[in-house]
Amino acid sequence: MTWLECEMLSVLHISHTPAERSSLRHAADQANIQTGNKLPACSAASSPQTVRTGKCGTKREWVPFPLPQGASGSTIAPDQTIVDRSALSNFLTSPGRDSGIIYHLRDVVLDREAQGISFCLNVPSLQIAQGEKIALIGESGCGKSTLLDILSFIAQPTSIGAFRFRPDNTGEPIDVGTFWKHRHLNRLGELRKQHIGYVMQTGGLLPYLTIRENMNLSRSVLGLKEGTVINDLARKLGIARHLDKQPETLSTGERQRVAIGRALAHEPSIVIADEPTASVDPFAAEKIMSLFLGLAEERNITVIVASHAWRHIKRLGLRRLAHHTQRSPDGRTTETIVNG
């Protein structure tokens, strides 16, 4: 049995937001799910129970999952059902379905403490589909960059219930939690290098390289030939005339376009952007984001953006991740909970 079969059956009983339950009901209805014979050994038990994770003390309880209209099923507890695991798995991972799950996180927690100040990022449930455009909006210090670092395999979570990564629609998902547990840092680095592009807030261009060389970095580390990719991206980003210049000769907005081009150049599955337009004016920010998202859409690249500017992000149609931040009265303890 694959991880997805186990995890989805688990999620059916622990989903605790209306959006999660609605999404799963829709998947069940679309797949014309019939009743399973029994709970698989690797799935969670059906009886009510509580899970506590890390310093956050997260409490999770089983939530009833009624069958969609027209489906049949047998109950394993009052108002709870199990569904055919292969039907659900096949539907969610079928080659023709362009919304296959690329990130699956459950009960992922990262605790940090320094000089008496503690921070906890808690991700009870997060799923991101291939090609989705995601926004995490919030003030400074709420954990946006920390979540991006977790998703890009830079920051190691304190505890992991499940952390699966499936960069394309072929093959089995990768168990990121196991890689962290056994300190397979080289493997995590390879995943990041091959499948993830990263746009930093300040661009992060190397000052001693030309614009062309900066944009080609993500390809050169993978041994890919430049071909026409850099010229094509530069033309679409409006920076073709700057390819042989140094970064210092460009404006802040132009440097951010270069950084976006570098993140896209090796055709990754995901591009993660941390406040990519924070240093430019609102008009330029929306224009740059529109260019960025358009190029990603052409390539069916998943985009995850952290930003504090919800207005123009909303107009561009990104899905906003739900999060809640709470601080202790003395300001020494902060906890952020993210779901999506």
C-alpha atoms as a PDB file:
ATOM      1  CA  MET A   1       0.000   0.000   0.000  1.00  0.00           C
ATOM      2  CA  THR A   2       1.343   3.425  -0.927  1.00  0.00           C
ATOM      3  CA  TRP A   3       1.778   6.328   1.490  1.00  0.00           C
ATOM      4  CA  LEU A   4      -1.049   8.183  -0.231  1.00  0.00           C
ATOM      5  CA  GLU A   5      -3.542   5.398   0.396  1.00  0.00           C
ATOM      6  CA  CYS A   6      -2.615   5.342   4.093  1.00  0.00           C
ATOM      7  CA  GLU A   7      -2.496   9.102   4.501  1.00  0.00           C
ATOM      8  CA  MET A   8      -5.724   9.835   2.645  1.00  0.00           C
ATOM      9  CA  LEU A   9      -7.605   7.253   4.705  1.00  0.00           C
ATOM     10  CA  SER A  10      -6.145   8.893   7.798  1.00  0.00           C
ATOM     11  CA  VAL A  11      -7.109  12.367   6.575  1.00  0.00           C
ATOM     12  CA  LEU A  12     -10.676  11.190   5.998  1.00  0.00           C
ATOM     13  CA  HIS A  13     -11.024  10.808   9.755  1.00  0.00           C
ATOM     14  CA  ILE A  14      -8.946  13.715  11.038  1.00  0.00           C
ATOM     15  CA  SER A  15      -9.874  16.506   8.618  1.00  0.00           C
ATOM     16  CA  HIS A  16     -11.138  19.265  10.824  1.00  0.00           C
ATOM     17  CA  THR A  17     -11.932  22.133   8.451  1.00  0.00           C
ATOM     18  CA  PRO A  18     -14.982  22.371   6.173  1.00  0.00           C
ATOM     19  CA  ALA A  19     -12.724  23.001   3.176  1.00  0.00           C
ATOM     20  CA  GLU A  20     -10.766  19.789   3.767  1.00  0.00           C
ATOM     21  CA  ARG A  21     -13.910  17.708   4.187  1.00  0.00           C
ATOM     22  CA  SER A  22     -15.551  19.305   1.144  1.00  0.00           C
ATOM     23  CA  SER A  23     -12.482  18.589  -1.003  1.00  0.00           C
ATOM     24  CA  LEU A  24     -12.423  14.956   0.053  1.00  0.00           C
ATOM     25  CA  ARG A  25     -16.151  14.565  -0.487  1.00  0.00           C
ATOM     26  CA  HIS A  26     -15.714  15.929  -3.996  1.00  0.00           C
ATOM     27  CA  ALA A  27     -12.871  13.475  -4.670  1.00  0.00           C
ATOM     28  CA  ALA A  28     -14.975  10.621  -3.367  1.00  0.00           C
ATOM     29  CA  ASP A  29     -17.955  11.633  -5.473  1.00  0.00           C
ATOM     30  CA  GLN A  30     -15.854  12.026  -8.618  1.00  0.00           C
ATOM     31  CA  ALA A  31     -14.233   8.635  -8.131  1.00  0.00           C
ATOM     32  CA  ASN A  32     -17.628   6.958  -7.483  1.00  0.00           C
ATOM     33  CA  ILE A  33     -16.176   5.439  -4.339  1.00  0.00           C
ATOM     34  CA  GLN A  34     -17.563   2.212  -2.936  1.00  0.00           C
ATOM     35  CA  THR A  35     -17.112   0.796   0.549  1.00  0.00           C
ATOM     36  CA  GLY A  36     -13.771  -0.734   1.510  1.00  0.00           C
ATOM     37  CA  ASN A  37     -13.661  -4.137   3.139  1.00  0.00           C
ATOM     38  CA  LYS A  38     -11.561  -3.185   6.113  1.00  0.00           C
ATOM     39  CA  LEU A  39      -9.208  -0.602   7.477  1.00  0.00           C
ATOM     40  CA  PRO A  40      -5.643  -1.191   6.222  1.00  0.00           C
ATOM     41  CA  ALA A  41      -3.097  -2.032   8.859  1.00  0.00           C
ATOM     42  CA  CYS A  42      -1.102   1.125   8.178  1.00  0.00           C
ATOM     43  CA  SER A  43      -3.971   3.575   8.509  1.00  0.00           C
ATOM     44  CA  ALA A  44      -4.992   5.237  11.737  1.00  0.00           C
ATOM     45  CA  ALA A  45      -7.526   3.574  14.022  1.00  0.00           C
ATOM     46  CA  SER A  46     -11.077   4.787  13.785  1.00  0.00           C
ATOM     47  CA  SER A  47     -11.810   5.323  17.460  1.00  0.00           C
ATOM     48  CA  PRO A  48     -11.615   8.870  18.880  1.00  0.00           C
ATOM     49  CA  GLN A  49      -8.180   9.788  20.130  1.00  0.00           C
ATOM     50  CA  THR A  50      -5.942  12.746  20.758  1.00  0.00           C
ATOM     51  CA  VAL A  51      -2.499  13.505  19.399  1.00  0.00           C
ATOM     52  CA  ARG A  52      -0.158  16.032  20.983  1.00  0.00           C
ATOM     53  CA  THR A  53       2.826  17.295  19.069  1.00  0.00           C
ATOM     54  CA  GLY A  54       5.855  19.279  20.245  1.00  0.00           C
ATOM     55  CA  LYS A  55       5.672  22.365  22.402  1.00  0.00           C
ATOM     56  CA  CYS A  56       2.570  23.559  20.590  1.00  0.00           C
ATOM     57  CA  GLY A  57       0.503  20.818  22.249  1.00  0.00           C
ATOM     58  CA  THR A  58      -1.659  20.367  19.169  1.00  0.00           C
ATOM     59  CA  LYS A  59      -4.876  18.488  19.830  1.00  0.00           C
ATOM     60  CA  ARG A  60      -6.391  16.462  16.980  1.00  0.00           C
ATOM     61  CA  GLU A  61      -9.602  14.478  17.218  1.00  0.00           C
ATOM     62  CA  TRP A  62     -11.288  12.210  14.701  1.00  0.00           C
ATOM     63  CA  VAL A  63     -14.030  14.001  12.808  1.00  0.00           C
ATOM     64  CA  PRO A  64     -16.967  12.149  11.221  1.00  0.00           C
ATOM     65  CA  PHE A  65     -16.788  11.882   7.441  1.00  0.00           C
ATOM     66  CA  PRO A  66     -20.248  11.256   5.951  1.00  0.00           C
ATOM     67  CA  LEU A  67     -20.512   9.570   2.579  1.00  0.00           C
ATOM     68  CA  PRO A  68     -21.310  11.770  -0.431  1.00  0.00           C
ATOM     69  CA  GLN A  69     -24.865  11.571  -1.739  1.00  0.00           C
ATOM     70  CA  GLY A  70     -25.473   8.434  -3.748  1.00  0.00           C
ATOM     71  CA  ALA A  71     -22.491   6.513  -2.385  1.00  0.00           C
ATOM     72  CA  SER A  72     -22.796   3.450  -0.201  1.00  0.00           C
ATOM     73  CA  GLY A  73     -20.741   2.504   2.799  1.00  0.00           C
ATOM     74  CA  SER A  74     -20.505   0.675   6.084  1.00  0.00           C
ATOM     75  CA  THR A  75     -19.837   2.469   9.325  1.00  0.00           C
ATOM     76  CA  ILE A  76     -16.873   1.654  11.538  1.00  0.00           C
ATOM     77  CA  ALA A  77     -17.941   4.060  14.255  1.00  0.00           C
ATOM     78  CA  PRO A  78     -21.031   6.231  14.666  1.00  0.00           C
ATOM     79  CA  ASP A  79     -21.404   8.401  11.549  1.00  0.00           C
ATOM     80  CA  GLN A  80     -17.941   7.407  10.273  1.00  0.00           C
ATOM     81  CA  THR A  81     -17.164   5.455   7.113  1.00  0.00           C
ATOM     82  CA  ILE A  82     -14.268   3.967   5.231  1.00  0.00           C
ATOM     83  CA  VAL A  83     -13.915   4.172   1.477  1.00  0.00           C
ATOM     84  CA  ASP A  84     -12.193   2.050  -1.080  1.00  0.00           C
ATOM     85  CA  ARG A  85      -8.527   3.025  -0.778  1.00  0.00           C
ATOM     86  CA  SER A  86      -7.478   2.069  -4.298  1.00  0.00           C
ATOM     87  CA  ALA A  87     -10.338   4.025  -5.902  1.00  0.00           C
ATOM     88  CA  LEU A  88      -9.419   7.173  -3.988  1.00  0.00           C
ATOM     89  CA  SER A  89      -5.689   6.727  -4.586  1.00  0.00           C
ATOM     90  CA  ASN A  90      -6.161   6.059  -8.303  1.00  0.00           C
ATOM     91  CA  PHE A  91      -8.373   9.105  -8.672  1.00  0.00           C
ATOM     92  CA  LEU A  92      -5.964  11.444  -6.880  1.00  0.00           C
ATOM     93  CA  THR A  93      -2.878  10.165  -8.716  1.00  0.00           C
ATOM     94  CA  SER A  94      -4.281   9.386 -12.155  1.00  0.00           C
ATOM     95  CA  PRO A  95      -2.033  10.658 -14.993  1.00  0.00           C
ATOM     96  CA  GLY A  96      -4.861  12.668 -16.498  1.00  0.00           C
ATOM     97  CA  ARG A  97      -5.490  14.580 -13.289  1.00  0.00           C
ATOM     98  CA  ASP A  98      -3.382  17.762 -13.322  1.00  0.00           C
ATOM     99  CA  SER A  99      -4.002  18.508  -9.644  1.00  0.00           C
ATOM    100  CA  GLY A 100      -1.937  15.650  -8.213  1.00  0.00           C
ATOM    101  CA  ILE A 101      -0.664  16.327  -4.719  1.00  0.00           C
ATOM    102  CA  ILE A 102       2.896  17.674  -4.740  1.00  0.00           C
ATOM    103  CA  TYR A 103       3.203  18.478  -0.995  1.00  0.00           C
ATOM    104  CA  HIS A 104       1.457  16.560   1.770  1.00  0.00           C
ATOM    105  CA  LEU A 105       2.164  17.622   5.360  1.00  0.00           C
ATOM    106  CA  ARG A 106       0.440  16.399   8.487  1.00  0.00           C
ATOM    107  CA  ASP A 107       1.312  17.393  12.058  1.00  0.00           C
ATOM    108  CA  VAL A 108       4.583  19.069  11.094  1.00  0.00           C
ATOM    109  CA  VAL A 109       5.973  21.247  13.884  1.00  0.00           C
ATOM    110  CA  LEU A 110       9.048  23.429  14.165  1.00  0.00           C
ATOM    111  CA  ASP A 111      10.031  24.858  17.574  1.00  0.00           C
ATOM    112  CA  ARG A 112      12.707  27.501  18.030  1.00  0.00           C
ATOM    113  CA  GLU A 113      13.971  29.142  21.199  1.00  0.00           C
ATOM    114  CA  ALA A 114      16.724  31.704  21.732  1.00  0.00           C
ATOM    115  CA  GLN A 115      17.469  34.028  24.647  1.00  0.00           C
ATOM    116  CA  GLY A 116      14.172  33.232  26.317  1.00  0.00           C
ATOM    117  CA  ILE A 117      12.108  33.945  23.177  1.00  0.00           C
ATOM    118  CA  SER A 118      10.264  30.945  21.724  1.00  0.00           C
ATOM    119  CA  PHE A 119       8.479  30.447  18.408  1.00  0.00           C
ATOM    120  CA  CYS A 120       6.385  27.504  17.239  1.00  0.00           C
ATOM    121  CA  LEU A 121       5.146  26.878  13.706  1.00  0.00           C
ATOM    122  CA  ASN A 122       2.485  24.188  13.621  1.00  0.00           C
ATOM    123  CA  VAL A 123       1.140  22.697  10.372  1.00  0.00           C
ATOM    124  CA  PRO A 124      -1.697  20.272  11.248  1.00  0.00           C
ATOM    125  CA  SER A 125      -2.659  19.709   7.598  1.00  0.00           C
ATOM    126  CA  LEU A 126      -1.348  21.107   4.316  1.00  0.00           C
ATOM    127  CA  GLN A 127      -1.760  19.820   0.785  1.00  0.00           C
ATOM    128  CA  ILE A 128      -0.580  21.644  -2.334  1.00  0.00           C
ATOM    129  CA  ALA A 129      -1.434  20.394  -5.802  1.00  0.00           C
ATOM    130  CA  GLN A 130       0.714  20.497  -8.905  1.00  0.00           C
ATOM    131  CA  GLY A 131       0.326  23.791 -10.748  1.00  0.00           C
ATOM    132  CA  GLU A 132      -1.364  25.574  -7.832  1.00  0.00           C
ATOM    133  CA  LYS A 133      -0.542  29.187  -7.004  1.00  0.00           C
ATOM    134  CA  ILE A 134      -0.397  29.621  -3.219  1.00  0.00           C
ATOM    135  CA  ALA A 135      -0.022  32.715  -1.034  1.00  0.00           C
ATOM    136  CA  LEU A 136       0.927  32.922   2.635  1.00  0.00           C
ATOM    137  CA  ILE A 137       0.012  36.407   3.819  1.00  0.00           C
ATOM    138  CA  GLY A 138       0.997  37.853   7.163  1.00  0.00           C
ATOM    139  CA  GLU A 139       3.017  40.349   9.150  1.00  0.00           C
ATOM    140  CA  SER A 140       6.715  40.025   9.834  1.00  0.00           C
ATOM    141  CA  GLY A 141       7.556  37.396  12.429  1.00  0.00           C
ATOM    142  CA  CYS A 142       4.483  35.211  11.863  1.00  0.00           C
ATOM    143  CA  GLY A 143       6.487  32.329  10.369  1.00  0.00           C
ATOM    144  CA  LYS A 144       6.084  32.851   6.609  1.00  0.00           C
ATOM    145  CA  SER A 145       9.779  32.405   5.839  1.00  0.00           C
ATOM    146  CA  THR A 146      10.000  29.481   8.261  1.00  0.00           C
ATOM    147  CA  LEU A 147       7.274  27.613   6.376  1.00  0.00           C
ATOM    148  CA  LEU A 148       9.015  28.331   3.066  1.00  0.00           C
ATOM    149  CA  ASP A 149      12.252  26.956   4.516  1.00  0.00           C
ATOM    150  CA  ILE A 150      10.438  23.773   5.553  1.00  0.00           C
ATOM    151  CA  LEU A 151       8.903  23.361   2.093  1.00  0.00           C
ATOM    152  CA  SER A 152      12.285  23.891   0.435  1.00  0.00           C
ATOM    153  CA  PHE A 153      13.988  21.341   2.740  1.00  0.00           C
ATOM    154  CA  ILE A 154      16.216  23.952   4.369  1.00  0.00           C
ATOM    155  CA  ALA A 155      14.773  23.958   7.901  1.00  0.00           C
ATOM    156  CA  GLN A 156      14.364  20.650   9.742  1.00  0.00           C
ATOM    157  CA  PRO A 157      11.051  20.322  11.590  1.00  0.00           C
ATOM    158  CA  THR A 158      11.126  19.391  15.273  1.00  0.00           C
ATOM    159  CA  SER A 159       8.533  16.685  14.696  1.00  0.00           C
ATOM    160  CA  ILE A 160       6.819  15.220  11.643  1.00  0.00           C
ATOM    161  CA  GLY A 161       3.589  13.248  11.415  1.00  0.00           C
ATOM    162  CA  ALA A 162       3.873  12.978   7.623  1.00  0.00           C
ATOM    163  CA  PHE A 163       5.856  14.947   5.040  1.00  0.00           C
ATOM    164  CA  ARG A 164       5.609  13.656   1.476  1.00  0.00           C
ATOM    165  CA  PHE A 165       6.907  15.295  -1.679  1.00  0.00           C
ATOM    166  CA  ARG A 166       5.917  14.256  -5.197  1.00  0.00           C
ATOM    167  CA  PRO A 167       7.494  16.641  -7.725  1.00  0.00           C
ATOM    168  CA  ASP A 168       5.814  15.071 -10.761  1.00  0.00           C
ATOM    169  CA  ASN A 169       2.983  12.708 -11.625  1.00  0.00           C
ATOM    170  CA  THR A 170       5.213   9.679 -12.004  1.00  0.00           C
ATOM    171  CA  GLY A 171       6.773   7.430  -9.409  1.00  0.00           C
ATOM    172  CA  GLU A 172       6.206   7.102  -5.700  1.00  0.00           C
ATOM    173  CA  PRO A 173       6.204  10.192  -3.448  1.00  0.00           C
ATOM    174  CA  ILE A 174       9.348  10.874  -1.447  1.00  0.00           C
ATOM    175  CA  ASP A 175       9.253  10.562   2.326  1.00  0.00           C
ATOM    176  CA  VAL A 176      10.974  13.784   3.371  1.00  0.00           C
ATOM    177  CA  GLY A 177      10.494  12.919   7.035  1.00  0.00           C
ATOM    178  CA  THR A 178      12.649   9.821   6.653  1.00  0.00           C
ATOM    179  CA  PHE A 179      15.372  11.845   4.929  1.00  0.00           C
ATOM    180  CA  TRP A 180      15.452  14.276   7.852  1.00  0.00           C
ATOM    181  CA  LYS A 181      15.338  11.469  10.412  1.00  0.00           C
ATOM    182  CA  HIS A 182      18.380   9.750   8.929  1.00  0.00           C
ATOM    183  CA  ARG A 183      20.154  13.043   8.090  1.00  0.00           C
ATOM    184  CA  HIS A 184      20.224  12.397   4.355  1.00  0.00           C
ATOM    185  CA  LEU A 185      21.148  16.020   3.722  1.00  0.00           C
ATOM    186  CA  ASN A 186      22.719  15.334   0.319  1.00  0.00           C
ATOM    187  CA  ARG A 187      19.462  13.799  -0.895  1.00  0.00           C
ATOM    188  CA  LEU A 188      17.505  16.771   0.363  1.00  0.00           C
ATOM    189  CA  GLY A 189      19.976  19.042  -1.410  1.00  0.00           C
ATOM    190  CA  GLU A 190      19.494  17.125  -4.657  1.00  0.00           C
ATOM    191  CA  LEU A 191      15.717  17.448  -4.384  1.00  0.00           C
ATOM    192  CA  ARG A 192      16.062  21.176  -3.835  1.00  0.00           C
ATOM    193  CA  LYS A 193      18.515  21.601  -6.701  1.00  0.00           C
ATOM    194  CA  GLN A 194      16.471  19.633  -9.230  1.00  0.00           C
ATOM    195  CA  HIS A 195      12.886  20.483  -8.368  1.00  0.00           C
ATOM    196  CA  ILE A 196      12.774  23.851  -6.587  1.00  0.00           C
ATOM    197  CA  GLY A 197      13.465  27.391  -7.726  1.00  0.00           C
ATOM    198  CA  TYR A 198      13.823  30.095  -5.067  1.00  0.00           C
ATOM    199  CA  VAL A 199      13.256  33.850  -5.352  1.00  0.00           C
ATOM    200  CA  MET A 200      14.720  35.843  -2.460  1.00  0.00           C
ATOM    201  CA  GLN A 201      13.395  39.168  -1.244  1.00  0.00           C
ATOM    202  CA  THR A 202      16.548  40.992  -2.313  1.00  0.00           C
ATOM    203  CA  GLY A 203      17.140  38.977  -5.488  1.00  0.00           C
ATOM    204  CA  GLY A 204      20.328  37.342  -4.263  1.00  0.00           C
ATOM    205  CA  LEU A 205      22.211  37.935  -7.519  1.00  0.00           C
ATOM    206  CA  LEU A 206      25.969  37.389  -7.589  1.00  0.00           C
ATOM    207  CA  PRO A 207      27.539  40.807  -8.285  1.00  0.00           C
ATOM    208  CA  TYR A 208      30.558  39.453 -10.188  1.00  0.00           C
ATOM    209  CA  LEU A 209      28.440  37.556 -12.750  1.00  0.00           C
ATOM    210  CA  THR A 210      26.550  39.037 -15.688  1.00  0.00           C
ATOM    211  CA  ILE A 211      22.777  38.891 -15.838  1.00  0.00           C
ATOM    212  CA  ARG A 212      22.981  36.013 -18.291  1.00  0.00           C
ATOM    213  CA  GLU A 213      25.344  34.088 -16.026  1.00  0.00           C
ATOM    214  CA  ASN A 214      23.142  34.729 -12.981  1.00  0.00           C
ATOM    215  CA  MET A 215      20.049  33.486 -14.796  1.00  0.00           C
ATOM    216  CA  ASN A 216      21.887  30.415 -16.060  1.00  0.00           C
ATOM    217  CA  LEU A 217      23.183  29.389 -12.602  1.00  0.00           C
ATOM    218  CA  SER A 218      20.266  27.078 -11.878  1.00  0.00           C
ATOM    219  CA  ARG A 219      20.877  25.264 -15.163  1.00  0.00           C
ATOM    220  CA  SER A 220      24.653  25.127 -14.948  1.00  0.00           C
ATOM    221  CA  VAL A 221      24.659  23.405 -11.529  1.00  0.00           C
ATOM    222  CA  LEU A 222      22.556  20.653 -13.105  1.00  0.00           C
ATOM    223  CA  GLY A 223      24.817  20.386 -16.132  1.00  0.00           C
ATOM    224  CA  LEU A 224      22.107  21.675 -18.505  1.00  0.00           C
ATOM    225  CA  LYS A 225      23.017  23.569 -21.636  1.00  0.00           C
ATOM    226  CA  GLU A 226      21.798  27.130 -21.884  1.00  0.00           C
ATOM    227  CA  GLY A 227      20.186  26.710 -25.307  1.00  0.00           C
ATOM    228  CA  THR A 228      17.564  29.373 -25.960  1.00  0.00           C
ATOM    229  CA  VAL A 229      15.997  29.213 -22.497  1.00  0.00           C
ATOM    230  CA  ILE A 230      17.751  32.256 -21.032  1.00  0.00           C
ATOM    231  CA  ASN A 231      17.114  34.436 -24.071  1.00  0.00           C
ATOM    232  CA  ASP A 232      13.441  33.452 -24.140  1.00  0.00           C
ATOM    233  CA  LEU A 233      12.929  34.116 -20.425  1.00  0.00           C
ATOM    234  CA  ALA A 234      14.796  37.427 -20.576  1.00  0.00           C
ATOM    235  CA  ARG A 235      12.644  38.568 -23.489  1.00  0.00           C
ATOM    236  CA  LYS A 236       9.402  37.697 -21.707  1.00  0.00           C
ATOM    237  CA  LEU A 237      10.614  39.379 -18.510  1.00  0.00           C
ATOM    238  CA  GLY A 238      11.634  42.520 -20.397  1.00  0.00           C
ATOM    239  CA  ILE A 239      15.329  42.318 -19.491  1.00  0.00           C
ATOM    240  CA  ALA A 240      16.848  40.979 -22.731  1.00  0.00           C
ATOM    241  CA  ARG A 241      18.841  44.180 -23.296  1.00  0.00           C
ATOM    242  CA  HIS A 242      20.543  43.737 -19.917  1.00  0.00           C
ATOM    243  CA  LEU A 243      21.881  40.184 -20.362  1.00  0.00           C
ATOM    244  CA  ASP A 244      25.527  41.234 -20.662  1.00  0.00           C
ATOM    245  CA  LYS A 245      25.407  43.802 -17.857  1.00  0.00           C
ATOM    246  CA  GLN A 246      26.292  43.467 -14.167  1.00  0.00           C
ATOM    247  CA  PRO A 247      23.521  43.445 -11.543  1.00  0.00           C
ATOM    248  CA  GLU A 248      24.579  46.791 -10.058  1.00  0.00           C
ATOM    249  CA  THR A 249      23.562  48.580 -13.278  1.00  0.00           C
ATOM    250  CA  LEU A 250      19.935  47.445 -13.012  1.00  0.00           C
ATOM    251  CA  SER A 251      17.059  48.883 -10.998  1.00  0.00           C
ATOM    252  CA  THR A 252      15.626  46.995  -8.024  1.00  0.00           C
ATOM    253  CA  GLY A 253      12.627  45.845 -10.057  1.00  0.00           C
ATOM    254  CA  GLU A 254      14.838  44.642 -12.906  1.00  0.00           C
ATOM    255  CA  ARG A 255      17.020  42.676 -10.502  1.00  0.00           C
ATOM    256  CA  GLN A 256      13.913  40.951  -9.143  1.00  0.00           C
ATOM    257  CA  ARG A 257      12.964  39.961 -12.695  1.00  0.00           C
ATOM    258  CA  VAL A 258      16.417  38.451 -13.097  1.00  0.00           C
ATOM    259  CA  ALA A 259      15.932  36.493  -9.875  1.00  0.00           C
ATOM    260  CA  ILE A 260      12.573  35.210 -11.136  1.00  0.00           C
ATOM    261  CA  GLY A 261      14.187  34.191 -14.428  1.00  0.00           C
ATOM    262  CA  ARG A 262      16.926  32.298 -12.562  1.00  0.00           C
ATOM    263  CA  ALA A 263      14.317  30.464 -10.464  1.00  0.00           C
ATOM    264  CA  LEU A 264      12.424  29.399 -13.605  1.00  0.00           C
ATOM    265  CA  ALA A 265      15.379  28.651 -15.893  1.00  0.00           C
ATOM    266  CA  HIS A 266      15.908  25.003 -14.934  1.00  0.00           C
ATOM    267  CA  GLU A 267      12.174  24.310 -15.279  1.00  0.00           C
ATOM    268  CA  PRO A 268      11.555  23.196 -11.689  1.00  0.00           C
ATOM    269  CA  SER A 269       8.327  21.682 -10.377  1.00  0.00           C
ATOM    270  CA  ILE A 270       7.993  24.383  -7.712  1.00  0.00           C
ATOM    271  CA  VAL A 271       9.089  27.992  -7.338  1.00  0.00           C
ATOM    272  CA  ILE A 272       9.126  29.407  -3.805  1.00  0.00           C
ATOM    273  CA  ALA A 273       9.245  33.187  -3.450  1.00  0.00           C
ATOM    274  CA  ASP A 274       9.865  34.995  -0.171  1.00  0.00           C
ATOM    275  CA  GLU A 275       8.459  38.542  -0.380  1.00  0.00           C
ATOM    276  CA  PRO A 276       9.641  38.818  -4.016  1.00  0.00           C
ATOM    277  CA  THR A 277       8.254  42.333  -4.540  1.00  0.00           C
ATOM    278  CA  ALA A 278       8.649  43.843  -1.071  1.00  0.00           C
ATOM    279  CA  SER A 279      11.385  46.233  -2.209  1.00  0.00           C
ATOM    280  CA  VAL A 280       9.504  47.779  -5.164  1.00  0.00           C
ATOM    281  CA  ASP A 281       6.519  50.132  -5.358  1.00  0.00           C
ATOM    282  CA  PRO A 282       2.986  48.629  -5.443  1.00  0.00           C
ATOM    283  CA  PHE A 283       2.452  49.273  -9.170  1.00  0.00           C
ATOM    284  CA  ALA A 284       5.748  47.614 -10.116  1.00  0.00           C
ATOM    285  CA  ALA A 285       5.077  44.810  -7.612  1.00  0.00           C
ATOM    286  CA  GLU A 286       1.794  43.828  -9.254  1.00  0.00           C
ATOM    287  CA  LYS A 287       3.335  43.977 -12.723  1.00  0.00           C
ATOM    288  CA  ILE A 288       6.287  41.791 -11.694  1.00  0.00           C
ATOM    289  CA  MET A 289       4.008  39.281  -9.950  1.00  0.00           C
ATOM    290  CA  SER A 290       1.744  39.117 -12.990  1.00  0.00           C
ATOM    291  CA  LEU A 291       4.731  38.347 -15.238  1.00  0.00           C
ATOM    292  CA  PHE A 292       6.017  35.783 -12.763  1.00  0.00           C
ATOM    293  CA  LEU A 293       2.709  33.938 -12.431  1.00  0.00           C
ATOM    294  CA  GLY A 294       2.092  34.018 -16.167  1.00  0.00           C
ATOM    295  CA  LEU A 295       5.425  32.343 -16.890  1.00  0.00           C
ATOM    296  CA  ALA A 296       4.794  29.764 -14.158  1.00  0.00           C
ATOM    297  CA  GLU A 297       1.327  29.024 -15.549  1.00  0.00           C
ATOM    298  CA  GLU A 298       2.750  28.410 -19.031  1.00  0.00           C
ATOM    299  CA  ARG A 299       5.051  25.770 -17.531  1.00  0.00           C
ATOM    300  CA  ASN A 300       2.533  24.296 -15.031  1.00  0.00           C
ATOM    301  CA  ILE A 301       4.897  25.213 -12.192  1.00  0.00           C
ATOM    302  CA  THR A 302       3.596  25.291  -8.631  1.00  0.00           C
ATOM    303  CA  VAL A 303       4.169  28.705  -7.016  1.00  0.00           C
ATOM    304  CA  ILE A 304       4.288  29.381  -3.268  1.00  0.00           C
ATOM    305  CA  VAL A 305       4.605  33.051  -2.323  1.00  0.00           C
ATOM    306  CA  ALA A 306       5.034  34.702   1.060  1.00  0.00           C
ATOM    307  CA  SER A 307       3.876  38.309   1.129  1.00  0.00           C
ATOM    308  CA  HIS A 308       2.405  41.001   3.349  1.00  0.00           C
ATOM    309  CA  ALA A 309       0.499  42.640   0.460  1.00  0.00           C
ATOM    310  CA  TRP A 310      -2.792  40.776   0.166  1.00  0.00           C
ATOM    311  CA  ARG A 311      -4.470  43.327  -2.127  1.00  0.00           C
ATOM    312  CA  HIS A 312      -2.546  42.665  -5.334  1.00  0.00           C
ATOM    313  CA  ILE A 313      -2.007  38.985  -4.474  1.00  0.00           C
ATOM    314  CA  LYS A 314      -5.787  38.554  -4.252  1.00  0.00           C
ATOM    315  CA  ARG A 315      -6.337  40.228  -7.623  1.00  0.00           C
ATOM    316  CA  LEU A 316      -3.923  37.755  -9.203  1.00  0.00           C
ATOM    317  CA  GLY A 317      -6.039  34.804  -8.032  1.00  0.00           C
ATOM    318  CA  LEU A 318      -3.710  32.988  -5.617  1.00  0.00           C
ATOM    319  CA  ARG A 319      -5.116  30.595  -3.018  1.00  0.00           C
ATOM    320  CA  ARG A 320      -4.471  31.968   0.437  1.00  0.00           C
ATOM    321  CA  LEU A 321      -3.327  29.571   3.137  1.00  0.00           C
ATOM    322  CA  ALA A 322      -5.243  29.893   6.384  1.00  0.00           C
ATOM    323  CA  HIS A 323      -3.095  30.755   9.369  1.00  0.00           C
ATOM    324  CA  HIS A 324      -3.512  32.081  12.880  1.00  0.00           C
ATOM    325  CA  THR A 325      -0.805  33.684  15.004  1.00  0.00           C
ATOM    326  CA  GLN A 326      -1.061  34.204  18.733  1.00  0.00           C
ATOM    327  CA  ARG A 327       1.442  35.756  21.133  1.00  0.00           C
ATOM    328  CA  SER A 328       1.738  35.605  24.884  1.00  0.00           C
ATOM    329  CA  PRO A 329       1.020  38.841  26.791  1.00  0.00           C
ATOM    330  CA  ASP A 330       4.727  39.338  27.498  1.00  0.00           C
ATOM    331  CA  GLY A 331       5.606  38.826  23.831  1.00  0.00           C
ATOM    332  CA  ARG A 332       8.083  36.057  24.579  1.00  0.00           C
ATOM    333  CA  THR A 333       6.118  33.194  23.015  1.00  0.00           C
ATOM    334  CA  THR A 334       4.634  33.104  19.515  1.00  0.00           C
ATOM    335  CA  GLU A 335       2.706  30.292  17.884  1.00  0.00           C
ATOM    336  CA  THR A 336       1.479  30.196  14.271  1.00  0.00           C
ATOM    337  CA  ILE A 337      -0.860  27.507  12.992  1.00  0.00           C
ATOM    338  CA  VAL A 338      -1.087  26.997   9.213  1.00  0.00           C
ATOM    339  CA  ASN A 339      -3.672  24.895   7.374  1.00  0.00           C
ATOM    340  CA  GLY A 340      -4.446  24.544   3.710  1.00  0.00           C
END
